[in-house]
C-alpha cells in the first residue's frame, strides 16, 4: 500500500473515531494512537498551548502521545515544536541535527514533522509532533494529510 493510500484510510478511520466526540484529550489520544499505529512512526503526539505557571506567557505542554518519554514543556519559538507554533505553519525537518535549536528529547529521533493545530479564532492551540528514527521520512504527502487531520480536531481544542 502506498503512503497516500495509507493516509487515505487513516483519515477515514480518524473521522469515524472522532465523530460525535467532545473530549479533546480523548480525541488527541486516539488520533495519536491511530497515526502511530498506521504509519509506524517512532514518536507521535500532541503538545497543547497552556499558560506557563507563574507567568503571563504560554508554553507547549506535553499532551497525549505514543512512544518513549518526551519533553514536557517547550517554550514559544524553541525547537521544532515551538518554531512551528511561532510561525503558525507545518515544519518538516529531514535531519533534526541540522535544525538550529533542536530540542533532543531522544537521541534516536532523526527526522521530524510538526503541524500546528489552529482554532477558528486563528490561534495555535496545539501542535502535532511526529518523529522518525530514519532521516528524511516526511514530505509534502505527510504535511497534506496531517494538516487535514489537525483541522478535524481543531474545533475541540479551540
N, C-alpha and C. Protein backbone atom coordinates (compact mmCIF):
# COMPACT_ATOMS: atom_id res chain seq x y z
N UNK A 1 0.85 -1.18 0.00
CA UNK A 1 0.00 0.00 0.00
C UNK A 1 0.90 1.24 0.00
N UNK A 2 0.58 2.22 -0.81
CA UNK A 2 1.37 3.45 -0.88
C UNK A 2 1.12 4.32 0.36
N UNK A 3 2.01 5.28 0.56
CA UNK A 3 1.84 6.21 1.67
C UNK A 3 0.51 6.96 1.54
N UNK A 4 0.19 7.40 0.35
CA UNK A 4 -1.07 8.12 0.12
C UNK A 4 -2.27 7.25 0.45
N UNK A 5 -2.27 6.02 0.00
CA UNK A 5 -3.38 5.11 0.29
C UNK A 5 -3.50 4.86 1.79
N UNK A 6 -2.37 4.71 2.46
CA UNK A 6 -2.36 4.51 3.90
C UNK A 6 -2.97 5.72 4.62
N UNK A 7 -2.58 6.91 4.19
CA UNK A 7 -3.14 8.12 4.79
C UNK A 7 -4.63 8.25 4.50
N UNK A 8 -5.07 7.90 3.30
CA UNK A 8 -6.49 7.99 2.98
C UNK A 8 -7.32 7.12 3.92
N UNK A 9 -6.86 5.92 4.17
CA UNK A 9 -7.55 5.03 5.12
C UNK A 9 -7.49 5.59 6.53
N UNK A 10 -6.34 6.14 6.89
CA UNK A 10 -6.17 6.71 8.23
C UNK A 10 -7.13 7.87 8.45
N UNK A 11 -7.25 8.75 7.46
CA UNK A 11 -8.17 9.89 7.59
C UNK A 11 -9.60 9.40 7.79
N UNK A 12 -10.01 8.39 7.05
CA UNK A 12 -11.35 7.83 7.23
C UNK A 12 -11.53 7.27 8.63
N UNK A 13 -10.51 6.55 9.11
CA UNK A 13 -10.57 5.98 10.46
C UNK A 13 -10.69 7.09 11.51
N UNK A 14 -9.90 8.12 11.35
CA UNK A 14 -9.91 9.21 12.34
C UNK A 14 -11.25 9.94 12.31
N UNK A 15 -11.81 10.15 11.13
CA UNK A 15 -13.14 10.78 11.06
C UNK A 15 -14.16 9.96 11.84
N UNK A 16 -14.10 8.64 11.70
CA UNK A 16 -15.03 7.77 12.43
C UNK A 16 -14.77 7.80 13.92
N UNK A 17 -13.49 7.82 14.30
CA UNK A 17 -13.12 7.83 15.72
C UNK A 17 -13.62 9.07 16.44
N UNK A 18 -13.56 10.21 15.77
CA UNK A 18 -13.85 11.47 16.48
C UNK A 18 -15.27 11.97 16.28
N UNK A 19 -16.01 11.35 15.38
CA UNK A 19 -17.38 11.79 15.12
C UNK A 19 -18.22 11.74 16.40
N UNK A 20 -18.77 12.88 16.75
CA UNK A 20 -19.64 12.96 17.92
C UNK A 20 -18.90 13.05 19.25
N UNK A 21 -17.58 13.02 19.22
CA UNK A 21 -16.82 13.10 20.47
C UNK A 21 -16.60 14.56 20.86
N UNK A 22 -16.58 14.83 22.15
CA UNK A 22 -16.40 16.20 22.62
C UNK A 22 -15.23 16.36 23.57
N UNK A 23 -14.62 15.26 24.00
CA UNK A 23 -13.50 15.35 24.93
C UNK A 23 -12.19 15.46 24.13
N UNK A 24 -11.57 16.63 24.21
CA UNK A 24 -10.37 16.90 23.40
C UNK A 24 -9.22 15.96 23.74
N UNK A 25 -9.02 15.67 25.01
CA UNK A 25 -7.90 14.80 25.41
C UNK A 25 -8.11 13.39 24.88
N UNK A 26 -9.33 12.87 24.99
CA UNK A 26 -9.61 11.54 24.47
C UNK A 26 -9.40 11.48 22.96
N UNK A 27 -9.85 12.52 22.27
CA UNK A 27 -9.67 12.57 20.81
C UNK A 27 -8.19 12.63 20.46
N UNK A 28 -7.43 13.49 21.12
CA UNK A 28 -5.99 13.57 20.84
C UNK A 28 -5.32 12.22 21.10
N UNK A 29 -5.72 11.54 22.16
CA UNK A 29 -5.12 10.25 22.49
C UNK A 29 -5.38 9.23 21.38
N UNK A 30 -6.62 9.14 20.92
CA UNK A 30 -6.94 8.18 19.87
C UNK A 30 -6.33 8.58 18.53
N UNK A 31 -6.28 9.86 18.24
CA UNK A 31 -5.67 10.31 16.98
C UNK A 31 -4.18 9.99 16.98
N UNK A 32 -3.49 10.27 18.08
CA UNK A 32 -2.07 9.94 18.18
C UNK A 32 -1.85 8.44 18.01
N UNK A 33 -2.67 7.65 18.67
CA UNK A 33 -2.54 6.19 18.57
C UNK A 33 -2.81 5.70 17.15
N UNK A 34 -3.83 6.24 16.50
CA UNK A 34 -4.17 5.81 15.14
C UNK A 34 -3.05 6.15 14.16
N UNK A 35 -2.51 7.36 14.24
CA UNK A 35 -1.41 7.76 13.36
C UNK A 35 -0.19 6.88 13.62
N UNK A 36 0.14 6.73 14.88
CA UNK A 36 1.32 5.96 15.28
C UNK A 36 1.24 4.52 14.76
N UNK A 37 0.09 3.90 14.95
CA UNK A 37 -0.09 2.51 14.55
C UNK A 37 -0.10 2.36 13.04
N UNK A 38 -0.83 3.24 12.36
CA UNK A 38 -0.98 3.12 10.91
C UNK A 38 0.32 3.41 10.16
N UNK A 39 1.09 4.37 10.67
CA UNK A 39 2.26 4.83 9.92
C UNK A 39 3.59 4.30 10.46
N UNK A 40 3.57 3.75 11.67
CA UNK A 40 4.78 3.15 12.23
C UNK A 40 5.86 4.15 12.60
N UNK A 41 5.46 5.34 13.04
CA UNK A 41 6.45 6.35 13.42
C UNK A 41 7.08 6.05 14.77
N UNK A 42 8.20 6.69 15.07
CA UNK A 42 8.94 6.50 16.32
C UNK A 42 8.21 7.15 17.50
N UNK A 43 7.73 8.37 17.30
CA UNK A 43 7.02 9.11 18.36
C UNK A 43 5.94 9.93 17.69
N UNK A 44 4.74 9.90 18.26
CA UNK A 44 3.59 10.61 17.71
C UNK A 44 2.80 11.20 18.86
N UNK A 45 2.62 12.51 18.86
CA UNK A 45 1.85 13.08 19.96
C UNK A 45 1.56 14.55 19.81
N UNK A 46 0.88 15.05 20.80
CA UNK A 46 0.45 16.44 20.83
C UNK A 46 1.10 17.19 21.98
N UNK A 47 1.36 18.45 21.71
CA UNK A 47 1.70 19.42 22.75
C UNK A 47 0.61 20.48 22.71
N UNK A 48 0.06 20.82 23.88
CA UNK A 48 -1.01 21.81 23.97
C UNK A 48 -0.46 23.16 24.41
N UNK A 49 -0.99 24.23 23.86
CA UNK A 49 -0.63 25.58 24.30
C UNK A 49 -1.35 25.81 25.62
N UNK A 50 -0.56 26.05 26.66
CA UNK A 50 -1.11 26.21 28.02
C UNK A 50 -0.42 27.39 28.70
N UNK A 51 -1.09 27.99 29.71
CA UNK A 51 -0.43 29.04 30.48
C UNK A 51 0.79 28.49 31.22
N UNK A 52 1.87 29.23 31.18
CA UNK A 52 3.08 28.84 31.91
C UNK A 52 2.90 29.23 33.37
N UNK A 53 3.17 28.28 34.27
CA UNK A 53 3.00 28.52 35.70
C UNK A 53 3.81 29.73 36.16
N UNK A 54 3.15 30.61 36.89
CA UNK A 54 3.82 31.77 37.46
C UNK A 54 4.20 32.83 36.44
N UNK A 55 3.53 32.84 35.27
CA UNK A 55 3.90 33.77 34.22
C UNK A 55 2.65 34.15 33.42
N UNK A 56 2.76 35.24 32.70
CA UNK A 56 1.68 35.63 31.79
C UNK A 56 1.85 34.99 30.41
N UNK A 57 2.95 34.28 30.22
CA UNK A 57 3.26 33.65 28.94
C UNK A 57 2.62 32.27 28.82
N UNK A 58 2.56 31.78 27.61
CA UNK A 58 2.13 30.41 27.34
C UNK A 58 3.33 29.56 26.96
N UNK A 59 3.15 28.26 27.04
CA UNK A 59 4.16 27.30 26.62
C UNK A 59 3.46 26.08 26.05
N UNK A 60 4.21 25.24 25.36
CA UNK A 60 3.67 23.96 24.92
C UNK A 60 3.87 22.95 26.04
N UNK A 61 2.79 22.24 26.38
CA UNK A 61 2.82 21.23 27.43
C UNK A 61 2.46 19.89 26.81
N UNK A 62 3.21 18.88 27.16
CA UNK A 62 3.00 17.54 26.62
C UNK A 62 1.56 17.09 26.82
N UNK A 63 0.99 16.57 25.74
CA UNK A 63 -0.35 16.01 25.76
C UNK A 63 -0.29 14.53 25.43
N UNK A 64 -1.39 13.97 24.99
CA UNK A 64 -1.43 12.54 24.66
C UNK A 64 -0.42 12.20 23.56
N UNK A 65 0.25 11.05 23.74
CA UNK A 65 1.26 10.63 22.77
C UNK A 65 1.45 9.13 22.79
N UNK A 66 2.17 8.65 21.78
CA UNK A 66 2.59 7.25 21.67
C UNK A 66 4.10 7.25 21.44
N UNK A 67 4.81 6.44 22.19
CA UNK A 67 6.26 6.36 22.02
C UNK A 67 6.97 6.52 23.35
N UNK A 68 8.30 6.68 23.30
CA UNK A 68 9.07 6.82 24.54
C UNK A 68 8.78 8.16 25.23
N UNK A 69 9.26 8.29 26.46
CA UNK A 69 9.05 9.52 27.23
C UNK A 69 9.52 10.73 26.42
N UNK A 70 8.94 11.89 26.75
CA UNK A 70 9.20 13.08 25.95
C UNK A 70 9.40 14.30 26.83
N UNK A 71 9.88 15.37 26.21
CA UNK A 71 9.99 16.65 26.91
C UNK A 71 8.58 17.08 27.32
N UNK A 72 8.48 17.68 28.49
CA UNK A 72 7.15 18.05 28.98
C UNK A 72 6.78 19.50 28.73
N UNK A 73 7.76 20.40 28.62
CA UNK A 73 7.49 21.82 28.42
C UNK A 73 8.39 22.35 27.31
N UNK A 74 7.81 23.10 26.38
CA UNK A 74 8.58 23.68 25.29
C UNK A 74 8.18 25.15 25.16
N UNK A 75 9.16 26.06 25.23
CA UNK A 75 8.85 27.49 25.11
C UNK A 75 8.50 27.89 23.68
N UNK A 76 7.76 28.98 23.57
CA UNK A 76 7.41 29.58 22.29
C UNK A 76 8.69 29.88 21.50
N UNK A 77 8.71 29.42 20.25
CA UNK A 77 9.85 29.71 19.38
C UNK A 77 11.06 28.81 19.56
N UNK A 78 11.01 27.83 20.47
CA UNK A 78 12.15 26.95 20.72
C UNK A 78 11.93 25.59 20.10
N UNK A 79 12.98 25.02 19.53
CA UNK A 79 12.90 23.71 18.92
C UNK A 79 11.95 23.71 17.74
N UNK A 80 11.72 22.55 17.17
CA UNK A 80 10.83 22.44 16.01
C UNK A 80 9.39 22.74 16.42
N UNK A 81 8.96 22.22 17.56
CA UNK A 81 7.58 22.44 18.01
C UNK A 81 7.30 23.92 18.28
N UNK A 82 8.17 24.55 19.05
CA UNK A 82 8.00 25.96 19.37
C UNK A 82 8.10 26.86 18.15
N UNK A 83 8.92 26.46 17.19
CA UNK A 83 9.05 27.23 15.94
C UNK A 83 7.81 27.09 15.07
N UNK A 84 7.25 25.88 14.98
CA UNK A 84 6.01 25.69 14.22
C UNK A 84 4.88 26.50 14.85
N UNK A 85 4.83 26.55 16.17
CA UNK A 85 3.84 27.36 16.89
C UNK A 85 4.05 28.83 16.55
N UNK A 86 5.28 29.30 16.63
CA UNK A 86 5.58 30.70 16.36
C UNK A 86 5.26 31.09 14.91
N UNK A 87 5.65 30.24 13.96
CA UNK A 87 5.44 30.54 12.53
C UNK A 87 4.03 30.23 12.06
N UNK A 88 3.30 29.43 12.87
CA UNK A 88 1.93 29.02 12.53
C UNK A 88 1.91 28.26 11.22
N UNK A 89 2.91 27.41 11.03
CA UNK A 89 2.97 26.60 9.81
C UNK A 89 3.67 25.28 10.08
N UNK A 90 3.36 24.31 9.23
CA UNK A 90 3.98 22.99 9.33
C UNK A 90 5.47 23.10 9.02
N UNK A 91 6.25 22.40 9.80
CA UNK A 91 7.70 22.35 9.57
C UNK A 91 8.11 20.90 9.39
N UNK A 92 8.79 20.63 8.29
CA UNK A 92 9.35 19.31 8.00
C UNK A 92 10.87 19.43 8.15
N UNK A 93 11.44 18.56 8.98
CA UNK A 93 12.89 18.58 9.23
C UNK A 93 13.48 17.24 8.81
N UNK A 94 14.21 17.21 7.68
CA UNK A 94 14.78 15.95 7.20
C UNK A 94 15.86 15.38 8.13
N UNK A 95 16.60 16.26 8.81
CA UNK A 95 17.67 15.84 9.73
C UNK A 95 17.65 16.77 10.93
N UNK A 96 17.16 16.27 12.06
CA UNK A 96 17.00 17.14 13.24
C UNK A 96 18.31 17.72 13.74
N UNK A 97 19.41 17.05 13.47
CA UNK A 97 20.70 17.57 13.92
C UNK A 97 21.09 18.84 13.19
N UNK A 98 20.46 19.12 12.06
CA UNK A 98 20.76 20.33 11.29
C UNK A 98 19.77 21.46 11.56
N UNK A 99 18.78 21.21 12.44
CA UNK A 99 17.80 22.25 12.77
C UNK A 99 18.33 23.08 13.93
N UNK A 100 18.54 24.39 13.72
CA UNK A 100 19.06 25.23 14.81
C UNK A 100 18.14 25.23 16.02
N UNK A 101 18.69 24.92 17.18
CA UNK A 101 17.93 24.93 18.42
C UNK A 101 17.07 23.70 18.63
N UNK A 102 17.29 22.62 17.87
CA UNK A 102 16.51 21.41 18.05
C UNK A 102 16.60 20.94 19.50
N UNK A 103 15.48 20.55 20.06
CA UNK A 103 15.43 20.03 21.43
C UNK A 103 15.43 18.51 21.31
N UNK A 104 16.48 17.89 21.76
CA UNK A 104 16.63 16.44 21.62
C UNK A 104 16.03 15.73 22.82
N UNK A 105 14.76 15.37 22.71
CA UNK A 105 14.11 14.59 23.76
C UNK A 105 14.60 13.14 23.70
N UNK A 106 14.96 12.68 22.49
CA UNK A 106 15.52 11.35 22.32
C UNK A 106 16.61 11.42 21.26
N UNK A 107 17.75 10.83 21.55
CA UNK A 107 18.85 10.82 20.59
C UNK A 107 18.56 9.90 19.41
N UNK A 108 17.49 9.10 19.50
CA UNK A 108 17.13 8.19 18.42
C UNK A 108 16.29 8.87 17.33
N UNK A 109 15.76 10.04 17.62
CA UNK A 109 14.97 10.78 16.64
C UNK A 109 15.90 11.37 15.59
N UNK A 110 15.57 11.15 14.31
CA UNK A 110 16.43 11.62 13.22
C UNK A 110 15.74 12.63 12.32
N UNK A 111 14.42 12.49 12.11
CA UNK A 111 13.68 13.48 11.33
C UNK A 111 12.35 13.74 12.01
N UNK A 112 11.72 14.86 11.63
CA UNK A 112 10.54 15.30 12.39
C UNK A 112 9.62 16.12 11.51
N UNK A 113 8.34 16.06 11.84
CA UNK A 113 7.34 16.96 11.27
C UNK A 113 6.48 17.48 12.42
N UNK A 114 6.20 18.78 12.38
CA UNK A 114 5.33 19.39 13.39
C UNK A 114 4.26 20.19 12.66
N UNK A 115 3.00 19.91 13.02
CA UNK A 115 1.85 20.54 12.38
C UNK A 115 1.08 21.33 13.45
N UNK A 116 0.93 22.64 13.26
CA UNK A 116 0.12 23.39 14.23
C UNK A 116 -1.36 23.06 14.10
N UNK A 117 -2.03 23.03 15.24
CA UNK A 117 -3.49 22.88 15.27
C UNK A 117 -4.04 24.28 15.50
N UNK A 118 -4.74 24.80 14.50
CA UNK A 118 -5.17 26.19 14.53
C UNK A 118 -6.68 26.27 14.71
N UNK A 119 -7.10 26.96 15.77
CA UNK A 119 -8.52 27.10 16.10
C UNK A 119 -9.19 28.08 15.13
N UNK A 120 -10.51 28.11 15.16
CA UNK A 120 -11.28 29.04 14.32
C UNK A 120 -10.89 30.49 14.58
N UNK A 121 -10.44 30.78 15.78
CA UNK A 121 -10.01 32.13 16.14
C UNK A 121 -8.71 32.53 15.46
N UNK A 122 -8.04 31.54 14.86
CA UNK A 122 -6.74 31.80 14.23
C UNK A 122 -5.56 31.53 15.14
N UNK A 123 -5.84 31.22 16.39
CA UNK A 123 -4.78 30.95 17.36
C UNK A 123 -4.31 29.49 17.27
N UNK A 124 -3.02 29.28 17.45
CA UNK A 124 -2.50 27.92 17.56
C UNK A 124 -2.84 27.43 18.96
N UNK A 125 -3.52 26.28 19.04
CA UNK A 125 -3.96 25.75 20.32
C UNK A 125 -3.18 24.49 20.72
N UNK A 126 -2.47 23.92 19.74
CA UNK A 126 -1.67 22.72 19.99
C UNK A 126 -0.78 22.50 18.76
N UNK A 127 0.13 21.56 18.89
CA UNK A 127 0.89 21.09 17.73
C UNK A 127 0.90 19.57 17.76
N UNK A 128 0.87 19.00 16.57
CA UNK A 128 1.06 17.56 16.40
C UNK A 128 2.52 17.37 16.04
N UNK A 129 3.23 16.60 16.84
CA UNK A 129 4.66 16.37 16.66
C UNK A 129 4.88 14.90 16.35
N UNK A 130 5.61 14.63 15.27
CA UNK A 130 5.90 13.24 14.90
C UNK A 130 7.38 13.12 14.58
N UNK A 131 8.02 12.12 15.18
CA UNK A 131 9.44 11.87 14.97
C UNK A 131 9.63 10.51 14.32
N UNK A 132 10.73 10.40 13.56
CA UNK A 132 11.11 9.15 12.93
C UNK A 132 12.55 8.82 13.30
N UNK A 133 12.86 7.53 13.32
CA UNK A 133 14.23 7.10 13.58
C UNK A 133 15.07 7.12 12.30
N UNK A 134 14.43 7.44 11.18
CA UNK A 134 15.11 7.50 9.88
C UNK A 134 15.22 8.95 9.41
N UNK A 135 16.25 9.25 8.64
CA UNK A 135 16.38 10.56 8.03
C UNK A 135 15.36 10.72 6.91
N UNK A 136 14.95 11.96 6.68
CA UNK A 136 14.11 12.34 5.54
C UNK A 136 12.84 11.49 5.40
N UNK A 137 12.19 11.22 6.50
CA UNK A 137 10.97 10.42 6.48
C UNK A 137 9.78 11.19 5.93
N UNK A 138 9.70 12.48 6.22
CA UNK A 138 8.49 13.25 5.97
C UNK A 138 8.59 14.09 4.71
N UNK A 139 7.43 14.27 4.04
CA UNK A 139 7.39 15.03 2.80
C UNK A 139 6.05 15.75 2.70
N UNK A 140 5.75 16.26 1.50
CA UNK A 140 4.51 17.00 1.29
C UNK A 140 3.26 16.15 1.50
N UNK A 141 3.35 14.85 1.22
CA UNK A 141 2.22 13.96 1.45
C UNK A 141 1.87 13.93 2.94
N UNK A 142 2.90 13.78 3.78
CA UNK A 142 2.67 13.79 5.23
C UNK A 142 2.06 15.12 5.65
N UNK A 143 2.63 16.22 5.16
CA UNK A 143 2.12 17.55 5.52
C UNK A 143 0.65 17.68 5.18
N UNK A 144 0.30 17.31 3.96
CA UNK A 144 -1.08 17.46 3.48
C UNK A 144 -2.06 16.69 4.35
N UNK A 145 -1.80 15.42 4.59
CA UNK A 145 -2.75 14.60 5.34
C UNK A 145 -2.76 14.93 6.83
N UNK A 146 -1.60 15.22 7.40
CA UNK A 146 -1.57 15.55 8.82
C UNK A 146 -2.22 16.90 9.08
N UNK A 147 -2.10 17.85 8.15
CA UNK A 147 -2.80 19.12 8.30
C UNK A 147 -4.31 18.90 8.24
N UNK A 148 -4.76 18.01 7.38
CA UNK A 148 -6.19 17.69 7.30
C UNK A 148 -6.66 17.10 8.63
N UNK A 149 -5.90 16.16 9.16
CA UNK A 149 -6.26 15.54 10.44
C UNK A 149 -6.33 16.59 11.54
N UNK A 150 -5.35 17.48 11.57
CA UNK A 150 -5.35 18.53 12.61
C UNK A 150 -6.55 19.46 12.45
N UNK A 151 -6.98 19.69 11.23
CA UNK A 151 -8.15 20.57 11.03
C UNK A 151 -9.41 19.92 11.59
N UNK A 152 -9.46 18.59 11.64
CA UNK A 152 -10.63 17.90 12.19
C UNK A 152 -10.70 18.04 13.72
N UNK A 153 -9.54 18.09 14.36
CA UNK A 153 -9.56 18.15 15.84
C UNK A 153 -9.50 19.58 16.37
N UNK A 154 -9.16 20.54 15.53
CA UNK A 154 -9.04 21.94 15.98
C UNK A 154 -10.30 22.45 16.68
N UNK A 155 -11.51 22.14 16.17
CA UNK A 155 -12.71 22.67 16.85
C UNK A 155 -12.85 22.20 18.30
N UNK A 156 -12.32 21.04 18.63
CA UNK A 156 -12.41 20.55 20.00
C UNK A 156 -11.45 21.28 20.94
N UNK A 157 -10.38 21.82 20.38
CA UNK A 157 -9.36 22.47 21.21
C UNK A 157 -9.54 23.98 21.27
N UNK A 158 -10.27 24.54 20.30
CA UNK A 158 -10.41 26.00 20.24
C UNK A 158 -11.60 26.42 21.02
